[in-house]
Amino acid sequence: MEAQSVERLMTPEMRNKGTIELLYRALEKGEASTVEKLVARDVEWWFHGPHHCQHMMRLLTGEAPRQVPFRFEPSSVEAVVAGHGCVIAEGWEGSNVYWVHVWKLKEGVVTELREYFNTWLTVTDYSLGPIGWDMGRCTVWESVPRDLAPGSLPSLLLAI
């Protein structure tokens, strides 16, 4: 099957997930031109965690990967909340460093990044149903860190 035919069969969620996977590879290799094409110049960035863990901001603003003392190697990348252009990636470096990135995309370009370090994250859909009825809350994604400390990680509820 030709590449164009395969592209037409892909859902927007599949394309967004592929874009984020490409972004992580480009960041790892220091391919600034690829990163520039994938991330909006006015990307909105939110950070929750220790100040010294703002590694992604340093990568997105142009520091070479070898100068950033942290490597983002996602253990999972998932598109969630159909129609919202949302992709969630998570990873960990042992029991003391756990991270989640929530990427929002519009037309294949990252417009927003919410970054969380050392916290448990739950994404819940509180939207109204197709005819306006309140469908109640529905968890669409939840963190699954491998190495939970006995006391667990702080928890956040994220509304998208």
N, C-alpha and C. Protein backbone atom coordinates (compact mmCIF):
# COMPACT_ATOMS: atom_id res chain seq x y z
N MET A 1 0.84 -1.18 0.00
CA MET A 1 0.00 0.00 0.00
C MET A 1 0.89 1.24 0.00
N GLU A 2 0.52 2.22 -0.78
CA GLU A 2 1.30 3.45 -0.85
C GLU A 2 1.19 4.24 0.44
N ALA A 3 2.20 5.07 0.71
CA ALA A 3 2.22 5.87 1.93
C ALA A 3 1.00 6.79 2.01
N GLN A 4 0.58 7.38 0.89
CA GLN A 4 -0.57 8.28 0.90
C GLN A 4 -1.85 7.52 1.25
N SER A 5 -1.98 6.28 0.77
CA SER A 5 -3.16 5.48 1.09
C SER A 5 -3.19 5.15 2.56
N VAL A 6 -2.05 4.80 3.13
CA VAL A 6 -1.97 4.50 4.56
C VAL A 6 -2.32 5.74 5.36
N GLU A 7 -1.81 6.90 4.96
CA GLU A 7 -2.08 8.17 5.65
C GLU A 7 -3.58 8.45 5.69
N ARG A 8 -4.29 8.17 4.61
CA ARG A 8 -5.73 8.42 4.56
C ARG A 8 -6.50 7.51 5.50
N LEU A 9 -5.97 6.33 5.76
CA LEU A 9 -6.65 5.38 6.65
C LEU A 9 -6.42 5.69 8.12
N MET A 10 -5.46 6.53 8.42
CA MET A 10 -5.14 6.86 9.80
C MET A 10 -6.15 7.84 10.38
N THR A 11 -6.52 7.61 11.62
CA THR A 11 -7.41 8.55 12.31
C THR A 11 -6.59 9.75 12.77
N PRO A 12 -7.25 10.88 13.08
CA PRO A 12 -6.51 12.03 13.62
C PRO A 12 -5.73 11.65 14.89
N GLU A 13 -6.30 10.78 15.72
CA GLU A 13 -5.61 10.35 16.95
C GLU A 13 -4.32 9.61 16.62
N MET A 14 -4.37 8.74 15.61
CA MET A 14 -3.17 7.99 15.20
C MET A 14 -2.10 8.94 14.67
N ARG A 15 -2.51 9.94 13.89
CA ARG A 15 -1.55 10.91 13.35
C ARG A 15 -0.93 11.73 14.48
N ASN A 16 -1.76 12.15 15.46
CA ASN A 16 -1.23 12.93 16.59
C ASN A 16 -0.25 12.11 17.41
N LYS A 17 -0.57 10.87 17.66
CA LYS A 17 0.35 9.99 18.40
C LYS A 17 1.67 9.86 17.63
N GLY A 18 1.60 9.67 16.33
CA GLY A 18 2.81 9.57 15.50
C GLY A 18 3.63 10.85 15.54
N THR A 19 2.96 11.99 15.57
CA THR A 19 3.66 13.28 15.64
C THR A 19 4.45 13.38 16.94
N ILE A 20 3.84 12.99 18.06
CA ILE A 20 4.52 13.07 19.35
C ILE A 20 5.67 12.08 19.42
N GLU A 21 5.50 10.89 18.89
CA GLU A 21 6.60 9.92 18.85
C GLU A 21 7.77 10.47 18.02
N LEU A 22 7.45 11.11 16.89
CA LEU A 22 8.48 11.75 16.06
C LEU A 22 9.16 12.88 16.82
N LEU A 23 8.39 13.65 17.58
CA LEU A 23 8.96 14.75 18.37
C LEU A 23 9.97 14.23 19.39
N TYR A 24 9.65 13.17 20.11
CA TYR A 24 10.60 12.61 21.10
C TYR A 24 11.88 12.13 20.41
N ARG A 25 11.74 11.49 19.25
CA ARG A 25 12.93 11.04 18.52
C ARG A 25 13.78 12.23 18.08
N ALA A 26 13.13 13.29 17.58
CA ALA A 26 13.85 14.48 17.13
C ALA A 26 14.57 15.16 18.30
N LEU A 27 13.91 15.23 19.45
CA LEU A 27 14.55 15.83 20.63
C LEU A 27 15.77 15.01 21.06
N GLU A 28 15.64 13.71 21.03
CA GLU A 28 16.75 12.83 21.42
C GLU A 28 17.95 13.01 20.50
N LYS A 29 17.69 13.17 19.21
CA LYS A 29 18.77 13.30 18.22
C LYS A 29 19.24 14.74 18.04
N GLY A 30 18.56 15.70 18.66
CA GLY A 30 18.94 17.09 18.52
C GLY A 30 18.57 17.67 17.17
N GLU A 31 17.51 17.17 16.54
CA GLU A 31 17.08 17.64 15.23
C GLU A 31 16.18 18.87 15.40
N ALA A 32 16.79 20.02 15.58
CA ALA A 32 16.07 21.26 15.85
C ALA A 32 15.09 21.62 14.75
N SER A 33 15.43 21.36 13.50
CA SER A 33 14.53 21.73 12.40
C SER A 33 13.23 20.92 12.46
N THR A 34 13.32 19.66 12.84
CA THR A 34 12.12 18.84 12.97
C THR A 34 11.27 19.33 14.15
N VAL A 35 11.92 19.61 15.27
CA VAL A 35 11.21 20.11 16.45
C VAL A 35 10.50 21.42 16.10
N GLU A 36 11.16 22.28 15.37
CA GLU A 36 10.59 23.57 14.99
C GLU A 36 9.33 23.40 14.15
N LYS A 37 9.30 22.37 13.31
CA LYS A 37 8.12 22.11 12.47
C LYS A 37 6.96 21.53 13.28
N LEU A 38 7.26 20.83 14.36
CA LEU A 38 6.23 20.12 15.11
C LEU A 38 5.64 20.92 16.28
N VAL A 39 6.35 21.97 16.73
CA VAL A 39 5.92 22.73 17.91
C VAL A 39 5.66 24.18 17.51
N ALA A 40 4.49 24.68 17.87
CA ALA A 40 4.15 26.08 17.57
C ALA A 40 5.12 27.02 18.30
N ARG A 41 5.44 28.13 17.67
CA ARG A 41 6.35 29.11 18.30
C ARG A 41 5.78 29.65 19.60
N ASP A 42 4.46 29.73 19.69
CA ASP A 42 3.83 30.26 20.90
C ASP A 42 3.19 29.15 21.74
N VAL A 43 3.87 27.99 21.78
CA VAL A 43 3.34 26.85 22.53
C VAL A 43 3.07 27.26 23.99
N GLU A 44 1.92 26.85 24.48
CA GLU A 44 1.57 27.12 25.88
C GLU A 44 2.13 25.96 26.71
N TRP A 45 2.90 26.29 27.74
CA TRP A 45 3.57 25.27 28.54
C TRP A 45 3.25 25.47 30.00
N TRP A 46 2.78 24.41 30.65
CA TRP A 46 2.51 24.40 32.08
C TRP A 46 3.40 23.36 32.71
N PHE A 47 3.92 23.65 33.87
CA PHE A 47 4.80 22.70 34.55
C PHE A 47 4.35 22.52 35.98
N HIS A 48 4.29 21.27 36.43
CA HIS A 48 3.99 20.95 37.81
C HIS A 48 5.06 19.99 38.31
N GLY A 49 5.88 20.47 39.23
CA GLY A 49 6.94 19.62 39.78
C GLY A 49 8.08 20.46 40.29
N PRO A 50 9.15 19.80 40.72
CA PRO A 50 10.31 20.54 41.23
C PRO A 50 10.94 21.41 40.14
N HIS A 51 11.34 22.61 40.51
CA HIS A 51 11.91 23.57 39.54
C HIS A 51 13.08 22.96 38.75
N HIS A 52 13.93 22.20 39.40
CA HIS A 52 15.11 21.66 38.72
C HIS A 52 14.76 20.57 37.69
N CYS A 53 13.49 20.18 37.60
CA CYS A 53 13.07 19.15 36.65
C CYS A 53 12.46 19.72 35.37
N GLN A 54 12.67 20.98 35.07
CA GLN A 54 12.10 21.59 33.87
C GLN A 54 12.96 21.30 32.63
N HIS A 55 13.26 20.04 32.42
CA HIS A 55 14.15 19.64 31.33
C HIS A 55 13.53 19.81 29.95
N MET A 56 12.23 19.53 29.81
CA MET A 56 11.60 19.64 28.50
C MET A 56 11.62 21.09 28.02
N MET A 57 11.40 22.04 28.90
CA MET A 57 11.44 23.45 28.51
C MET A 57 12.82 23.78 27.92
N ARG A 58 13.85 23.27 28.55
CA ARG A 58 15.21 23.54 28.06
C ARG A 58 15.41 22.94 26.67
N LEU A 59 14.89 21.74 26.44
CA LEU A 59 15.02 21.12 25.12
C LEU A 59 14.22 21.89 24.06
N LEU A 60 13.00 22.29 24.42
CA LEU A 60 12.15 22.99 23.45
C LEU A 60 12.63 24.40 23.14
N THR A 61 13.43 24.97 24.02
CA THR A 61 13.95 26.32 23.76
C THR A 61 15.35 26.29 23.15
N GLY A 62 15.81 25.10 22.78
CA GLY A 62 17.01 25.04 21.96
C GLY A 62 18.28 24.53 22.59
N GLU A 63 18.27 24.09 23.85
CA GLU A 63 19.50 23.53 24.41
C GLU A 63 19.76 22.17 23.77
N ALA A 64 21.00 21.90 23.52
CA ALA A 64 21.37 20.62 22.92
C ALA A 64 21.06 19.49 23.89
N PRO A 65 20.58 18.33 23.38
CA PRO A 65 20.24 17.22 24.25
C PRO A 65 21.39 16.80 25.18
N ARG A 66 22.61 16.90 24.72
CA ARG A 66 23.75 16.50 25.56
C ARG A 66 23.98 17.47 26.73
N GLN A 67 23.39 18.68 26.66
CA GLN A 67 23.52 19.65 27.75
C GLN A 67 22.42 19.51 28.79
N VAL A 68 21.36 18.76 28.45
CA VAL A 68 20.25 18.54 29.38
C VAL A 68 20.49 17.20 30.07
N PRO A 69 20.57 17.20 31.41
CA PRO A 69 20.95 15.99 32.12
C PRO A 69 19.84 14.96 32.26
N PHE A 70 18.83 15.00 31.40
CA PHE A 70 17.71 14.09 31.50
C PHE A 70 17.29 13.65 30.11
N ARG A 71 17.00 12.37 29.94
CA ARG A 71 16.55 11.86 28.64
C ARG A 71 15.10 11.43 28.76
N PHE A 72 14.25 11.98 27.91
CA PHE A 72 12.85 11.59 27.90
C PHE A 72 12.68 10.38 27.00
N GLU A 73 12.48 9.24 27.61
CA GLU A 73 12.23 7.99 26.90
C GLU A 73 10.87 7.48 27.36
N PRO A 74 9.81 7.82 26.64
CA PRO A 74 8.47 7.44 27.08
C PRO A 74 8.30 5.93 27.14
N SER A 75 7.63 5.47 28.20
CA SER A 75 7.27 4.06 28.28
C SER A 75 5.95 3.82 27.56
N SER A 76 5.15 4.89 27.43
CA SER A 76 3.91 4.78 26.65
C SER A 76 3.57 6.15 26.07
N VAL A 77 2.94 6.11 24.91
CA VAL A 77 2.42 7.30 24.24
C VAL A 77 1.03 6.90 23.76
N GLU A 78 0.00 7.63 24.23
CA GLU A 78 -1.38 7.29 23.88
C GLU A 78 -2.17 8.53 23.50
N ALA A 79 -2.96 8.40 22.45
CA ALA A 79 -3.91 9.46 22.09
C ALA A 79 -5.17 9.22 22.91
N VAL A 80 -5.66 10.27 23.55
CA VAL A 80 -6.87 10.14 24.38
C VAL A 80 -7.83 11.27 24.04
N VAL A 81 -9.04 11.15 24.50
CA VAL A 81 -10.09 12.15 24.33
C VAL A 81 -10.25 12.48 22.83
N ALA A 82 -10.88 11.57 22.11
CA ALA A 82 -11.06 11.72 20.67
C ALA A 82 -11.63 13.09 20.32
N GLY A 83 -11.05 13.69 19.29
CA GLY A 83 -11.52 14.98 18.81
C GLY A 83 -10.91 16.17 19.52
N HIS A 84 -10.10 15.94 20.54
CA HIS A 84 -9.49 17.04 21.28
C HIS A 84 -8.01 17.21 20.95
N GLY A 85 -7.43 16.36 20.12
CA GLY A 85 -6.03 16.49 19.76
C GLY A 85 -5.10 16.31 20.94
N CYS A 86 -5.41 15.37 21.81
CA CYS A 86 -4.64 15.20 23.04
C CYS A 86 -3.86 13.88 23.02
N VAL A 87 -2.57 13.96 23.34
CA VAL A 87 -1.70 12.79 23.42
C VAL A 87 -0.99 12.83 24.76
N ILE A 88 -0.96 11.68 25.45
CA ILE A 88 -0.30 11.61 26.75
C ILE A 88 0.86 10.64 26.67
N ALA A 89 2.01 11.09 27.16
CA ALA A 89 3.20 10.25 27.23
C ALA A 89 3.65 10.18 28.68
N GLU A 90 4.17 9.03 29.08
CA GLU A 90 4.67 8.89 30.44
C GLU A 90 5.96 8.09 30.43
N GLY A 91 6.76 8.32 31.46
CA GLY A 91 8.01 7.59 31.60
C GLY A 91 8.53 7.71 33.02
N TRP A 92 9.56 6.96 33.32
CA TRP A 92 10.15 7.00 34.66
C TRP A 92 11.62 6.66 34.62
N GLU A 93 12.30 7.12 35.63
CA GLU A 93 13.72 6.84 35.85
C GLU A 93 13.83 6.31 37.28
N GLY A 94 13.39 5.10 37.52
CA GLY A 94 13.42 4.54 38.86
C GLY A 94 12.28 5.08 39.70
N SER A 95 12.31 4.82 41.00
CA SER A 95 11.19 5.16 41.86
C SER A 95 11.13 6.64 42.22
N ASN A 96 12.16 7.42 41.96
CA ASN A 96 12.17 8.82 42.37
C ASN A 96 11.83 9.81 41.28
N VAL A 97 11.80 9.39 40.02
CA VAL A 97 11.50 10.32 38.93
C VAL A 97 10.46 9.68 38.01
N TYR A 98 9.28 10.23 38.05
CA TYR A 98 8.18 9.78 37.21
C TYR A 98 7.61 11.02 36.53
N TRP A 99 7.33 10.96 35.22
CA TRP A 99 6.84 12.14 34.51
C TRP A 99 5.70 11.79 33.57
N VAL A 100 4.84 12.78 33.34
CA VAL A 100 3.73 12.67 32.39
C VAL A 100 3.71 13.95 31.57
N HIS A 101 3.59 13.80 30.25
CA HIS A 101 3.43 14.94 29.35
C HIS A 101 2.06 14.83 28.70
N VAL A 102 1.30 15.91 28.75
CA VAL A 102 0.01 15.98 28.07
C VAL A 102 0.18 17.00 26.94
N TRP A 103 0.16 16.50 25.72
CA TRP A 103 0.37 17.32 24.53
C TRP A 103 -0.97 17.59 23.86
N LYS A 104 -1.22 18.83 23.46
CA LYS A 104 -2.40 19.13 22.65
C LYS A 104 -1.90 19.59 21.28
N LEU A 105 -2.54 19.07 20.25
CA LEU A 105 -2.15 19.38 18.89
C LEU A 105 -3.32 19.96 18.11
N LYS A 106 -2.98 20.82 17.18
CA LYS A 106 -3.97 21.36 16.24
C LYS A 106 -3.35 21.28 14.86
N GLU A 107 -4.01 20.55 13.98
CA GLU A 107 -3.53 20.39 12.60
C GLU A 107 -2.09 19.89 12.56
N GLY A 108 -1.76 18.94 13.43
CA GLY A 108 -0.45 18.31 13.43
C GLY A 108 0.66 19.07 14.11
N VAL A 109 0.33 20.17 14.78
CA VAL A 109 1.35 21.00 15.45
C VAL A 109 1.00 21.08 16.94
N VAL A 110 2.02 20.94 17.78
CA VAL A 110 1.82 21.03 19.22
C VAL A 110 1.52 22.48 19.59
N THR A 111 0.39 22.68 20.26
CA THR A 111 0.01 24.03 20.70
C THR A 111 0.08 24.18 22.21
N GLU A 112 0.10 23.04 22.92
CA GLU A 112 0.13 23.10 24.38
C GLU A 112 0.84 21.87 24.95
N LEU A 113 1.61 22.10 26.01
CA LEU A 113 2.25 21.01 26.75
C LEU A 113 2.00 21.24 28.23
N ARG A 114 1.47 20.23 28.87
CA ARG A 114 1.35 20.23 30.33
C ARG A 114 2.28 19.13 30.82
N GLU A 115 3.21 19.52 31.66
CA GLU A 115 4.25 18.59 32.10
C GLU A 115 4.15 18.40 33.62
N TYR A 116 4.17 17.14 34.03
CA TYR A 116 4.03 16.80 35.45
C TYR A 116 5.18 15.89 35.85
N PHE A 117 5.82 16.22 36.96
CA PHE A 117 6.89 15.39 37.51
C PHE A 117 6.49 14.87 38.87
N ASN A 118 6.71 13.58 39.08
CA ASN A 118 6.51 12.92 40.37
C ASN A 118 5.11 13.12 40.92
N THR A 119 4.12 12.87 40.09
CA THR A 119 2.74 12.89 40.55
C THR A 119 1.94 11.85 39.76
N TRP A 120 0.90 11.35 40.37
CA TRP A 120 0.00 10.41 39.73
C TRP A 120 -1.05 11.24 39.01
N LEU A 121 -1.38 10.91 37.78
CA LEU A 121 -2.28 11.74 36.99
C LEU A 121 -3.48 10.95 36.52
N THR A 122 -4.66 11.53 36.63
CA THR A 122 -5.89 10.94 36.14
C THR A 122 -6.55 11.94 35.20
N VAL A 123 -6.91 11.51 34.01
CA VAL A 123 -7.62 12.35 33.05
C VAL A 123 -9.06 11.88 33.04
N THR A 124 -9.97 12.78 33.36
CA THR A 124 -11.38 12.45 33.45
C THR A 124 -12.18 13.33 32.49
N ASP A 125 -13.11 12.71 31.80
CA ASP A 125 -13.97 13.42 30.85
C ASP A 125 -15.27 13.79 31.56
N TYR A 126 -15.53 15.10 31.69
CA TYR A 126 -16.76 15.60 32.30
C TYR A 126 -17.67 16.23 31.25
N SER A 127 -17.48 15.89 30.00
CA SER A 127 -18.23 16.55 28.93
C SER A 127 -19.69 16.10 28.92
N LEU A 128 -20.50 16.88 28.22
CA LEU A 128 -21.90 16.54 28.04
C LEU A 128 -22.03 15.54 26.91
N GLY A 129 -23.04 14.72 26.99
CA GLY A 129 -23.29 13.73 25.95
C GLY A 129 -23.74 14.39 24.66
N PRO A 130 -23.97 13.59 23.62
CA PRO A 130 -24.31 14.12 22.30
C PRO A 130 -25.59 14.94 22.26
N ILE A 131 -26.51 14.71 23.20
CA ILE A 131 -27.74 15.50 23.19
C ILE A 131 -27.83 16.40 24.41
N GLY A 132 -26.68 16.67 25.04
CA GLY A 132 -26.63 17.63 26.12
C GLY A 132 -26.80 17.05 27.51
N TRP A 133 -27.01 15.76 27.62
CA TRP A 133 -27.14 15.16 28.94
C TRP A 133 -25.78 15.05 29.61
N ASP A 134 -25.76 15.26 30.90
CA ASP A 134 -24.53 15.09 31.65
C ASP A 134 -24.24 13.60 31.74
N MET A 135 -23.16 13.17 31.13
CA MET A 135 -22.82 11.74 31.09
C MET A 135 -22.08 11.29 32.35
N GLY A 136 -21.88 12.21 33.31
CA GLY A 136 -21.13 11.84 34.50
C GLY A 136 -19.65 11.79 34.19
N ARG A 137 -18.87 11.45 35.18
CA ARG A 137 -17.45 11.44 34.92
C ARG A 137 -17.00 10.08 34.40
N CYS A 138 -16.02 10.14 33.54
CA CYS A 138 -15.49 8.93 32.90
C CYS A 138 -13.98 9.07 32.85
N THR A 139 -13.26 8.20 33.53
CA THR A 139 -11.80 8.23 33.48
C THR A 139 -11.35 7.71 32.13
N VAL A 140 -10.59 8.53 31.40
CA VAL A 140 -10.13 8.12 30.07
C VAL A 140 -8.66 7.73 30.06
N TRP A 141 -7.92 8.07 31.11
CA TRP A 141 -6.51 7.69 31.19
C TRP A 141 -6.03 7.86 32.62
N GLU A 142 -5.16 6.95 33.07
CA GLU A 142 -4.61 7.06 34.42
C GLU A 142 -3.16 6.60 34.42
N SER A 143 -2.33 7.28 35.19
CA SER A 143 -0.92 6.93 35.30
C SER A 143 -0.75 5.49 35.77
N VAL A 144 0.33 4.88 35.33
CA VAL A 144 0.67 3.54 35.80
C VAL A 144 2.16 3.45 36.07
N PRO A 145 2.66 4.24 37.03
CA PRO A 145 4.10 4.18 37.31
C PRO A 145 4.50 2.81 37.85
N ARG A 146 5.63 2.32 37.37
CA ARG A 146 6.14 1.00 37.75
C ARG A 146 6.56 0.94 39.20
N ASP A 147 7.29 1.93 39.63
CA ASP A 147 7.98 1.86 40.92
C ASP A 147 7.35 2.77 41.96
N LEU A 148 6.13 2.50 42.32
CA LEU A 148 5.48 3.34 43.33
C LEU A 148 6.13 3.13 44.69
N ALA A 149 6.44 4.23 45.34
CA ALA A 149 6.95 4.15 46.71
C ALA A 149 5.80 3.70 47.61
N PRO A 150 6.10 3.19 48.80
CA PRO A 150 5.02 2.72 49.68
C PRO A 150 3.97 3.79 49.96
N GLY A 151 4.37 5.04 50.01
CA GLY A 151 3.43 6.12 50.29
C GLY A 151 2.70 6.62 49.07
N SER A 152 2.96 6.08 47.89
CA SER A 152 2.34 6.49 46.64
C SER A 152 2.82 7.89 46.24
N LEU A 153 2.37 8.33 45.08
CA LEU A 153 2.71 9.64 44.56
C LEU A 153 1.53 10.58 44.76
N PRO A 154 1.77 11.90 44.84
CA PRO A 154 0.64 12.82 44.91
C PRO A 154 -0.22 12.67 43.67
N SER A 155 -1.50 12.88 43.79
CA SER A 155 -2.42 12.68 42.69
C SER A 155 -2.99 14.00 42.19
N LEU A 156 -3.17 14.10 40.89
CA LEU A 156 -3.83 15.25 40.27
C LEU A 156 -4.93 14.76 39.36
N LEU A 157 -6.01 15.50 39.29
CA LEU A 157 -7.08 15.24 38.35
C LEU A 157 -6.97 16.29 37.26
N LEU A 158 -6.85 15.85 36.01
CA LEU A 158 -6.68 16.78 34.91
C LEU A 158 -7.93 16.82 34.06
N ALA A 159 -8.50 17.98 33.90
CA ALA A 159 -9.66 18.16 33.04
C ALA A 159 -9.19 18.73 31.71
N ILE A 160 -9.52 18.05 30.64
CA ILE A 160 -9.10 18.49 29.31
C ILE A 160 -10.32 19.00 28.57
